[in-house]
Amino acid sequence: MQFLRYSLLIIPLVIIIFFGFIILNENNAKEFVPIEMTKFSSTTLDNKNIKNTDLPNTYFLNVWASWCITCKIEHPFLLNLKSNGIDIVGLNYKDTKSKALGWLKELGDPYTISIFDYKGDIALDMGVTGAPETFLVKNGKIVMHHLGELNQEIWEQKFEPHL
């Protein structure tokens, strides 16, 4: 009977420690394995045809949308990157052109190119789970990926070491 009491305490504790260890190890993983960039053909927000092969050898790709609250929060940081000479390609995700263009006109445009991904097909092929997400692409390979808001701390920790 006493064994049963202790096991009711010990078993949940072991489970919590086990999952805590897994979560801590995933969050502390420093190495990102480069993967091939998705091949695509689309249009830009200003109605020009574009393919992945038209993009530079090295670029940042930021997935954004006018409906995305967190995108609005990270937007000033992206404008700051642009003012410091960093070129960013935007991937407008599941949005309308009129809302996206209005958003950029109102808040400023940090992107050298804005790819229009109305259905989200390009993003889906890249494994995007939502907006915002930022990728660093070098020579056709994604070498860094961040889910969520891009800010100074994330920039310094994840992206600057690859520049």
N, C-alpha and C. Protein backbone atom coordinates (compact mmCIF):
# COMPACT_ATOMS: atom_id res chain seq x y z
N MET A 1 0.82 -1.19 0.00
CA MET A 1 0.00 0.00 0.00
C MET A 1 0.87 1.26 0.00
N GLN A 2 1.94 1.21 0.81
CA GLN A 2 2.83 2.37 0.87
C GLN A 2 3.55 2.56 -0.47
N PHE A 3 3.88 1.46 -1.13
CA PHE A 3 4.51 1.54 -2.45
C PHE A 3 3.62 2.27 -3.45
N LEU A 4 2.33 2.00 -3.40
CA LEU A 4 1.36 2.64 -4.29
C LEU A 4 1.32 4.16 -4.07
N ARG A 5 1.37 4.58 -2.81
CA ARG A 5 1.39 6.02 -2.52
C ARG A 5 2.62 6.69 -3.12
N TYR A 6 3.76 6.08 -2.91
CA TYR A 6 5.01 6.66 -3.44
C TYR A 6 5.03 6.65 -4.96
N SER A 7 4.50 5.59 -5.56
CA SER A 7 4.50 5.52 -7.02
C SER A 7 3.59 6.59 -7.62
N LEU A 8 2.49 6.94 -6.94
CA LEU A 8 1.62 8.01 -7.42
C LEU A 8 2.32 9.37 -7.39
N LEU A 9 3.29 9.51 -6.56
CA LEU A 9 4.08 10.73 -6.49
C LEU A 9 5.27 10.69 -7.44
N ILE A 10 5.94 9.56 -7.48
CA ILE A 10 7.18 9.45 -8.25
C ILE A 10 6.93 9.39 -9.76
N ILE A 11 5.94 8.67 -10.20
CA ILE A 11 5.70 8.52 -11.64
C ILE A 11 5.43 9.87 -12.31
N PRO A 12 4.51 10.71 -11.81
CA PRO A 12 4.32 12.02 -12.46
C PRO A 12 5.58 12.89 -12.40
N LEU A 13 6.33 12.79 -11.31
CA LEU A 13 7.57 13.56 -11.19
C LEU A 13 8.58 13.13 -12.25
N VAL A 14 8.72 11.85 -12.49
CA VAL A 14 9.63 11.34 -13.51
C VAL A 14 9.19 11.81 -14.90
N ILE A 15 7.89 11.79 -15.15
CA ILE A 15 7.37 12.24 -16.44
C ILE A 15 7.65 13.72 -16.66
N ILE A 16 7.42 14.54 -15.63
CA ILE A 16 7.69 15.98 -15.73
C ILE A 16 9.17 16.24 -16.00
N ILE A 17 10.03 15.56 -15.29
CA ILE A 17 11.48 15.74 -15.49
C ILE A 17 11.88 15.30 -16.90
N PHE A 18 11.34 14.19 -17.36
CA PHE A 18 11.65 13.68 -18.70
C PHE A 18 11.26 14.69 -19.78
N PHE A 19 10.02 15.21 -19.74
CA PHE A 19 9.59 16.16 -20.75
C PHE A 19 10.29 17.50 -20.61
N GLY A 20 10.59 17.90 -19.39
CA GLY A 20 11.37 19.12 -19.17
C GLY A 20 12.74 19.03 -19.81
N PHE A 21 13.38 17.88 -19.68
CA PHE A 21 14.69 17.66 -20.29
C PHE A 21 14.61 17.75 -21.81
N ILE A 22 13.57 17.16 -22.39
CA ILE A 22 13.40 17.21 -23.85
C ILE A 22 13.19 18.65 -24.32
N ILE A 23 12.34 19.38 -23.64
CA ILE A 23 12.06 20.77 -24.02
C ILE A 23 13.31 21.63 -23.90
N LEU A 24 14.05 21.50 -22.82
CA LEU A 24 15.27 22.29 -22.65
C LEU A 24 16.30 21.97 -23.72
N ASN A 25 16.43 20.72 -24.08
CA ASN A 25 17.39 20.35 -25.12
C ASN A 25 16.98 20.88 -26.48
N GLU A 26 15.68 20.90 -26.79
CA GLU A 26 15.22 21.45 -28.07
C GLU A 26 15.44 22.95 -28.12
N ASN A 27 15.17 23.67 -27.03
CA ASN A 27 15.35 25.12 -27.00
C ASN A 27 16.81 25.53 -27.03
N ASN A 28 17.69 24.67 -26.56
CA ASN A 28 19.12 25.00 -26.51
C ASN A 28 19.87 24.53 -27.74
N ALA A 29 19.18 23.89 -28.67
CA ALA A 29 19.84 23.43 -29.89
C ALA A 29 20.36 24.63 -30.66
N LYS A 30 21.66 24.65 -30.92
CA LYS A 30 22.29 25.80 -31.57
C LYS A 30 22.50 25.57 -33.07
N GLU A 31 22.52 24.34 -33.48
CA GLU A 31 22.89 24.04 -34.86
C GLU A 31 21.65 23.86 -35.72
N PHE A 32 21.66 24.56 -36.85
CA PHE A 32 20.57 24.45 -37.81
C PHE A 32 21.14 23.76 -39.04
N VAL A 33 20.50 22.72 -39.49
CA VAL A 33 20.97 21.99 -40.66
C VAL A 33 20.38 22.66 -41.91
N PRO A 34 21.26 23.17 -42.80
CA PRO A 34 20.77 23.84 -44.01
C PRO A 34 19.90 22.90 -44.86
N ILE A 35 18.84 23.47 -45.43
CA ILE A 35 17.96 22.70 -46.31
C ILE A 35 17.77 23.47 -47.62
N GLU A 36 17.44 22.77 -48.65
CA GLU A 36 17.25 23.36 -49.97
C GLU A 36 16.07 24.33 -49.95
N MET A 37 16.27 25.51 -50.56
CA MET A 37 15.20 26.49 -50.67
C MET A 37 14.17 26.01 -51.68
N THR A 38 12.91 26.27 -51.39
CA THR A 38 11.81 25.92 -52.27
C THR A 38 11.92 26.63 -53.61
N LYS A 39 11.68 25.90 -54.68
CA LYS A 39 11.64 26.51 -56.01
C LYS A 39 10.22 27.02 -56.23
N PHE A 40 10.12 28.24 -56.74
CA PHE A 40 8.79 28.81 -56.95
C PHE A 40 8.78 29.77 -58.11
N SER A 41 7.59 30.05 -58.58
CA SER A 41 7.32 31.06 -59.60
C SER A 41 6.06 31.77 -59.15
N SER A 42 6.13 33.09 -59.07
CA SER A 42 5.00 33.85 -58.54
C SER A 42 5.02 35.25 -59.13
N THR A 43 4.28 36.15 -58.52
CA THR A 43 4.33 37.56 -58.87
C THR A 43 4.66 38.35 -57.62
N THR A 44 5.10 39.57 -57.82
CA THR A 44 5.36 40.46 -56.71
C THR A 44 4.10 41.28 -56.45
N LEU A 45 4.11 42.03 -55.36
CA LEU A 45 2.96 42.90 -55.07
C LEU A 45 2.76 43.95 -56.15
N ASP A 46 3.86 44.30 -56.88
CA ASP A 46 3.72 45.27 -57.97
C ASP A 46 3.58 44.57 -59.33
N ASN A 47 3.06 43.33 -59.31
CA ASN A 47 2.67 42.57 -60.51
C ASN A 47 3.80 42.20 -61.46
N LYS A 48 5.01 42.01 -60.96
CA LYS A 48 6.11 41.51 -61.79
C LYS A 48 6.27 40.02 -61.54
N ASN A 49 6.61 39.29 -62.60
CA ASN A 49 6.86 37.86 -62.45
C ASN A 49 8.20 37.66 -61.75
N ILE A 50 8.25 36.65 -60.88
CA ILE A 50 9.48 36.36 -60.15
C ILE A 50 9.60 34.87 -59.91
N LYS A 51 10.83 34.39 -59.96
CA LYS A 51 11.16 33.01 -59.63
C LYS A 51 12.23 33.04 -58.56
N ASN A 52 12.39 31.94 -57.85
CA ASN A 52 13.42 31.88 -56.82
C ASN A 52 14.81 32.12 -57.41
N THR A 53 15.00 31.77 -58.68
CA THR A 53 16.31 31.96 -59.31
C THR A 53 16.60 33.44 -59.61
N ASP A 54 15.59 34.30 -59.52
CA ASP A 54 15.79 35.74 -59.74
C ASP A 54 16.36 36.43 -58.50
N LEU A 55 16.33 35.75 -57.37
CA LEU A 55 16.76 36.36 -56.12
C LEU A 55 18.28 36.28 -55.98
N PRO A 56 18.88 37.16 -55.16
CA PRO A 56 20.34 37.13 -55.00
C PRO A 56 20.83 35.83 -54.37
N ASN A 57 22.14 35.63 -54.37
CA ASN A 57 22.72 34.42 -53.77
C ASN A 57 22.46 34.37 -52.26
N THR A 58 22.49 35.53 -51.61
CA THR A 58 22.24 35.60 -50.18
C THR A 58 21.15 36.63 -49.93
N TYR A 59 20.13 36.22 -49.17
CA TYR A 59 19.05 37.15 -48.85
C TYR A 59 18.30 36.68 -47.61
N PHE A 60 17.62 37.63 -47.00
CA PHE A 60 16.72 37.34 -45.90
C PHE A 60 15.32 37.32 -46.47
N LEU A 61 14.53 36.34 -46.08
CA LEU A 61 13.15 36.23 -46.52
C LEU A 61 12.27 36.35 -45.28
N ASN A 62 11.42 37.35 -45.28
CA ASN A 62 10.53 37.59 -44.14
C ASN A 62 9.08 37.34 -44.57
N VAL A 63 8.44 36.39 -43.91
CA VAL A 63 7.04 36.07 -44.18
C VAL A 63 6.18 37.01 -43.34
N TRP A 64 5.27 37.72 -44.01
CA TRP A 64 4.47 38.73 -43.32
C TRP A 64 3.08 38.84 -43.94
N ALA A 65 2.18 39.52 -43.23
CA ALA A 65 0.83 39.76 -43.74
C ALA A 65 0.25 40.99 -43.03
N SER A 66 -0.67 41.66 -43.71
CA SER A 66 -1.29 42.85 -43.12
C SER A 66 -2.20 42.49 -41.94
N TRP A 67 -2.69 41.27 -41.88
CA TRP A 67 -3.56 40.82 -40.80
C TRP A 67 -2.78 40.35 -39.57
N CYS A 68 -1.47 40.29 -39.68
CA CYS A 68 -0.60 39.71 -38.64
C CYS A 68 -0.20 40.78 -37.62
N ILE A 69 -0.65 40.62 -36.40
CA ILE A 69 -0.35 41.59 -35.34
C ILE A 69 1.14 41.59 -35.01
N THR A 70 1.74 40.42 -34.91
CA THR A 70 3.16 40.35 -34.58
C THR A 70 4.02 40.93 -35.69
N CYS A 71 3.56 40.84 -36.93
CA CYS A 71 4.29 41.46 -38.05
C CYS A 71 4.37 42.98 -37.85
N LYS A 72 3.31 43.54 -37.35
CA LYS A 72 3.29 44.99 -37.09
C LYS A 72 4.27 45.35 -35.98
N ILE A 73 4.40 44.48 -35.00
CA ILE A 73 5.34 44.71 -33.90
C ILE A 73 6.78 44.65 -34.40
N GLU A 74 7.10 43.70 -35.28
CA GLU A 74 8.48 43.56 -35.76
C GLU A 74 8.82 44.55 -36.87
N HIS A 75 7.82 45.18 -37.45
CA HIS A 75 8.02 46.04 -38.62
C HIS A 75 9.06 47.16 -38.42
N PRO A 76 9.03 47.89 -37.29
CA PRO A 76 10.05 48.93 -37.09
C PRO A 76 11.48 48.36 -37.10
N PHE A 77 11.65 47.15 -36.59
CA PHE A 77 12.99 46.54 -36.61
C PHE A 77 13.42 46.24 -38.05
N LEU A 78 12.49 45.78 -38.88
CA LEU A 78 12.81 45.51 -40.28
C LEU A 78 13.18 46.81 -41.00
N LEU A 79 12.47 47.89 -40.70
CA LEU A 79 12.81 49.20 -41.29
C LEU A 79 14.20 49.63 -40.86
N ASN A 80 14.55 49.34 -39.62
CA ASN A 80 15.88 49.66 -39.12
C ASN A 80 16.95 48.85 -39.86
N LEU A 81 16.69 47.58 -40.10
CA LEU A 81 17.63 46.76 -40.86
C LEU A 81 17.83 47.34 -42.26
N LYS A 82 16.73 47.74 -42.89
CA LYS A 82 16.81 48.33 -44.23
C LYS A 82 17.66 49.60 -44.20
N SER A 83 17.48 50.44 -43.17
CA SER A 83 18.26 51.69 -43.09
C SER A 83 19.73 51.41 -42.84
N ASN A 84 20.05 50.21 -42.36
CA ASN A 84 21.44 49.80 -42.16
C ASN A 84 21.99 48.99 -43.33
N GLY A 85 21.28 49.00 -44.45
CA GLY A 85 21.78 48.36 -45.66
C GLY A 85 21.49 46.88 -45.80
N ILE A 86 20.62 46.33 -44.98
CA ILE A 86 20.26 44.92 -45.08
C ILE A 86 19.08 44.79 -46.04
N ASP A 87 19.25 43.97 -47.08
CA ASP A 87 18.18 43.73 -48.05
C ASP A 87 17.32 42.56 -47.58
N ILE A 88 16.02 42.79 -47.56
CA ILE A 88 15.08 41.77 -47.12
C ILE A 88 14.05 41.55 -48.22
N VAL A 89 13.81 40.30 -48.54
CA VAL A 89 12.75 39.92 -49.48
C VAL A 89 11.53 39.60 -48.63
N GLY A 90 10.40 40.19 -48.97
CA GLY A 90 9.17 39.91 -48.25
C GLY A 90 8.37 38.83 -48.96
N LEU A 91 7.73 37.98 -48.18
CA LEU A 91 6.80 36.99 -48.72
C LEU A 91 5.45 37.30 -48.08
N ASN A 92 4.60 37.98 -48.84
CA ASN A 92 3.29 38.37 -48.35
C ASN A 92 2.39 37.14 -48.36
N TYR A 93 1.95 36.73 -47.17
CA TYR A 93 1.35 35.42 -46.92
C TYR A 93 -0.16 35.52 -46.70
N LYS A 94 -0.93 34.85 -47.57
CA LYS A 94 -2.38 34.74 -47.43
C LYS A 94 -3.04 36.09 -47.15
N ASP A 95 -2.78 37.03 -48.03
CA ASP A 95 -3.24 38.40 -47.87
C ASP A 95 -3.87 38.85 -49.18
N THR A 96 -4.39 40.05 -49.23
CA THR A 96 -4.82 40.62 -50.50
C THR A 96 -3.82 41.70 -50.89
N LYS A 97 -3.66 41.90 -52.18
CA LYS A 97 -2.69 42.90 -52.64
C LYS A 97 -3.04 44.28 -52.13
N SER A 98 -4.32 44.64 -52.17
CA SER A 98 -4.69 45.99 -51.76
C SER A 98 -4.39 46.23 -50.28
N LYS A 99 -4.69 45.26 -49.43
CA LYS A 99 -4.39 45.42 -48.00
C LYS A 99 -2.89 45.44 -47.74
N ALA A 100 -2.15 44.57 -48.43
CA ALA A 100 -0.70 44.52 -48.26
C ALA A 100 -0.05 45.82 -48.71
N LEU A 101 -0.44 46.32 -49.87
CA LEU A 101 0.14 47.57 -50.38
C LEU A 101 -0.23 48.75 -49.49
N GLY A 102 -1.45 48.77 -48.99
CA GLY A 102 -1.87 49.83 -48.07
C GLY A 102 -1.08 49.80 -46.77
N TRP A 103 -0.82 48.61 -46.28
CA TRP A 103 -0.05 48.42 -45.05
C TRP A 103 1.37 48.95 -45.23
N LEU A 104 1.99 48.60 -46.37
CA LEU A 104 3.36 49.06 -46.64
C LEU A 104 3.41 50.58 -46.83
N LYS A 105 2.37 51.13 -47.47
CA LYS A 105 2.32 52.57 -47.68
C LYS A 105 2.19 53.31 -46.33
N GLU A 106 1.37 52.75 -45.46
CA GLU A 106 1.14 53.37 -44.15
C GLU A 106 2.35 53.24 -43.21
N LEU A 107 2.96 52.06 -43.16
CA LEU A 107 4.01 51.78 -42.17
C LEU A 107 5.43 51.89 -42.72
N GLY A 108 5.57 51.98 -44.04
CA GLY A 108 6.89 51.98 -44.65
C GLY A 108 7.20 50.61 -45.21
N ASP A 109 8.05 50.57 -46.22
CA ASP A 109 8.35 49.32 -46.92
C ASP A 109 9.80 48.91 -46.68
N PRO A 110 10.03 47.89 -45.85
CA PRO A 110 11.39 47.45 -45.58
C PRO A 110 11.94 46.45 -46.61
N TYR A 111 11.13 46.09 -47.61
CA TYR A 111 11.48 45.00 -48.52
C TYR A 111 12.01 45.52 -49.85
N THR A 112 13.04 44.85 -50.36
CA THR A 112 13.53 45.18 -51.70
C THR A 112 12.59 44.59 -52.75
N ILE A 113 11.98 43.46 -52.41
CA ILE A 113 10.99 42.77 -53.26
C ILE A 113 9.93 42.21 -52.32
N SER A 114 8.68 42.28 -52.72
CA SER A 114 7.61 41.63 -51.95
C SER A 114 6.91 40.62 -52.85
N ILE A 115 7.13 39.35 -52.56
CA ILE A 115 6.51 38.26 -53.31
C ILE A 115 5.09 38.07 -52.79
N PHE A 116 4.16 37.91 -53.70
CA PHE A 116 2.75 37.75 -53.33
C PHE A 116 2.41 36.26 -53.29
N ASP A 117 2.00 35.78 -52.13
CA ASP A 117 1.66 34.37 -51.93
C ASP A 117 0.24 34.26 -51.38
N TYR A 118 -0.72 34.61 -52.24
CA TYR A 118 -2.13 34.70 -51.85
C TYR A 118 -2.66 33.42 -51.21
N LYS A 119 -2.38 32.28 -51.82
CA LYS A 119 -2.89 31.00 -51.31
C LYS A 119 -1.98 30.39 -50.24
N GLY A 120 -0.77 30.91 -50.11
CA GLY A 120 0.17 30.37 -49.13
C GLY A 120 0.92 29.15 -49.62
N ASP A 121 0.91 28.91 -50.94
CA ASP A 121 1.56 27.71 -51.49
C ASP A 121 3.08 27.73 -51.29
N ILE A 122 3.71 28.88 -51.55
CA ILE A 122 5.16 28.97 -51.38
C ILE A 122 5.51 28.75 -49.92
N ALA A 123 4.79 29.44 -49.04
CA ALA A 123 5.04 29.31 -47.60
C ALA A 123 4.84 27.87 -47.14
N LEU A 124 3.79 27.24 -47.61
CA LEU A 124 3.52 25.85 -47.24
C LEU A 124 4.67 24.95 -47.66
N ASP A 125 5.16 25.13 -48.88
CA ASP A 125 6.29 24.32 -49.37
C ASP A 125 7.55 24.55 -48.53
N MET A 126 7.67 25.74 -47.93
CA MET A 126 8.83 26.05 -47.10
C MET A 126 8.66 25.56 -45.66
N GLY A 127 7.46 25.11 -45.31
CA GLY A 127 7.22 24.66 -43.95
C GLY A 127 6.80 25.77 -43.01
N VAL A 128 6.36 26.89 -43.56
CA VAL A 128 5.93 28.01 -42.74
C VAL A 128 4.67 27.61 -41.97
N THR A 129 4.65 27.95 -40.69
CA THR A 129 3.48 27.64 -39.86
C THR A 129 2.62 28.87 -39.60
N GLY A 130 3.12 30.04 -39.91
CA GLY A 130 2.38 31.28 -39.71
C GLY A 130 3.29 32.47 -39.95
N ALA A 131 2.76 33.63 -39.69
CA ALA A 131 3.55 34.85 -39.87
C ALA A 131 3.71 35.52 -38.52
N PRO A 132 4.84 36.15 -38.27
CA PRO A 132 6.02 36.25 -39.13
C PRO A 132 6.98 35.08 -38.93
N GLU A 133 7.75 34.84 -39.96
CA GLU A 133 8.88 33.92 -39.92
C GLU A 133 9.96 34.53 -40.80
N THR A 134 11.21 34.31 -40.43
CA THR A 134 12.32 34.87 -41.19
C THR A 134 13.33 33.77 -41.51
N PHE A 135 13.83 33.80 -42.74
CA PHE A 135 14.80 32.82 -43.22
C PHE A 135 16.04 33.55 -43.74
N LEU A 136 17.19 32.94 -43.58
CA LEU A 136 18.40 33.40 -44.24
C LEU A 136 18.72 32.35 -45.30
N VAL A 137 18.78 32.79 -46.56
CA VAL A 137 19.03 31.88 -47.67
C VAL A 137 20.38 32.24 -48.28
N LYS A 138 21.25 31.24 -48.41
CA LYS A 138 22.56 31.42 -49.03
C LYS A 138 22.75 30.33 -50.09
N ASN A 139 23.05 30.75 -51.29
CA ASN A 139 23.32 29.82 -52.39
C ASN A 139 22.25 28.74 -52.52
N GLY A 140 20.98 29.15 -52.42
CA GLY A 140 19.88 28.22 -52.63
C GLY A 140 19.55 27.35 -51.43
N LYS A 141 20.19 27.58 -50.30
CA LYS A 141 19.92 26.79 -49.10
C LYS A 141 19.49 27.69 -47.96
N ILE A 142 18.48 27.24 -47.22
CA ILE A 142 18.07 27.94 -46.01
C ILE A 142 19.07 27.56 -44.93
N VAL A 143 19.82 28.56 -44.44
CA VAL A 143 20.85 28.29 -43.43
C VAL A 143 20.42 28.71 -42.02
N MET A 144 19.34 29.49 -41.93
CA MET A 144 18.81 29.88 -40.63
C MET A 144 17.33 30.18 -40.78
N HIS A 145 16.58 29.89 -39.73
CA HIS A 145 15.13 30.07 -39.76
C HIS A 145 14.68 30.46 -38.36
N HIS A 146 13.81 31.47 -38.30
CA HIS A 146 13.25 31.89 -37.01
C HIS A 146 11.75 32.03 -37.13
N LEU A 147 11.02 31.41 -36.21
CA LEU A 147 9.57 31.55 -36.13
C LEU A 147 9.24 32.67 -35.16
N GLY A 148 8.39 33.57 -35.55
CA GLY A 148 7.97 34.63 -34.65
C GLY A 148 8.67 35.95 -34.94
N GLU A 149 8.49 36.87 -34.02
CA GLU A 149 9.00 38.23 -34.18
C GLU A 149 10.53 38.26 -34.28
N LEU A 150 11.01 38.99 -35.26
CA LEU A 150 12.44 39.25 -35.39
C LEU A 150 12.73 40.56 -34.67
N ASN A 151 13.67 40.51 -33.74
CA ASN A 151 14.05 41.71 -33.00
C ASN A 151 15.57 41.73 -32.85
N GLN A 152 16.09 42.72 -32.17
CA GLN A 152 17.54 42.88 -32.05
C GLN A 152 18.21 41.67 -31.42
N GLU A 153 17.62 41.14 -30.36
CA GLU A 153 18.22 40.00 -29.66
C GLU A 153 18.28 38.77 -30.57
N ILE A 154 17.18 38.46 -31.24
CA ILE A 154 17.14 37.31 -32.16
C ILE A 154 18.12 37.53 -33.31
N TRP A 155 18.14 38.75 -33.84
CA TRP A 155 19.04 39.08 -34.93
C TRP A 155 20.49 38.80 -34.54
N GLU A 156 20.89 39.27 -33.36
CA GLU A 156 22.27 39.10 -32.91
C GLU A 156 22.60 37.65 -32.63
N GLN A 157 21.66 36.91 -32.04
CA GLN A 157 21.92 35.51 -31.68
C GLN A 157 21.89 34.57 -32.87
N LYS A 158 20.90 34.74 -33.75
CA LYS A 158 20.69 33.75 -34.81
C LYS A 158 21.25 34.13 -36.16
N PHE A 159 21.13 35.40 -36.54
CA PHE A 159 21.43 35.77 -37.93
C PHE A 159 22.81 36.41 -38.11
N GLU A 160 23.21 37.29 -37.23
CA GLU A 160 24.51 37.96 -37.38
C GLU A 160 25.68 37.00 -37.49
N PRO A 161 25.69 35.88 -36.71
CA PRO A 161 26.81 34.96 -36.85
C PRO A 161 26.98 34.37 -38.26
N HIS A 162 25.93 34.42 -39.08
CA HIS A 162 25.98 33.85 -40.43
C HIS A 162 26.31 34.88 -41.50
N LEU A 163 26.49 36.14 -41.09
CA LEU A 163 26.78 37.19 -42.09
C LEU A 163 28.27 37.28 -42.38
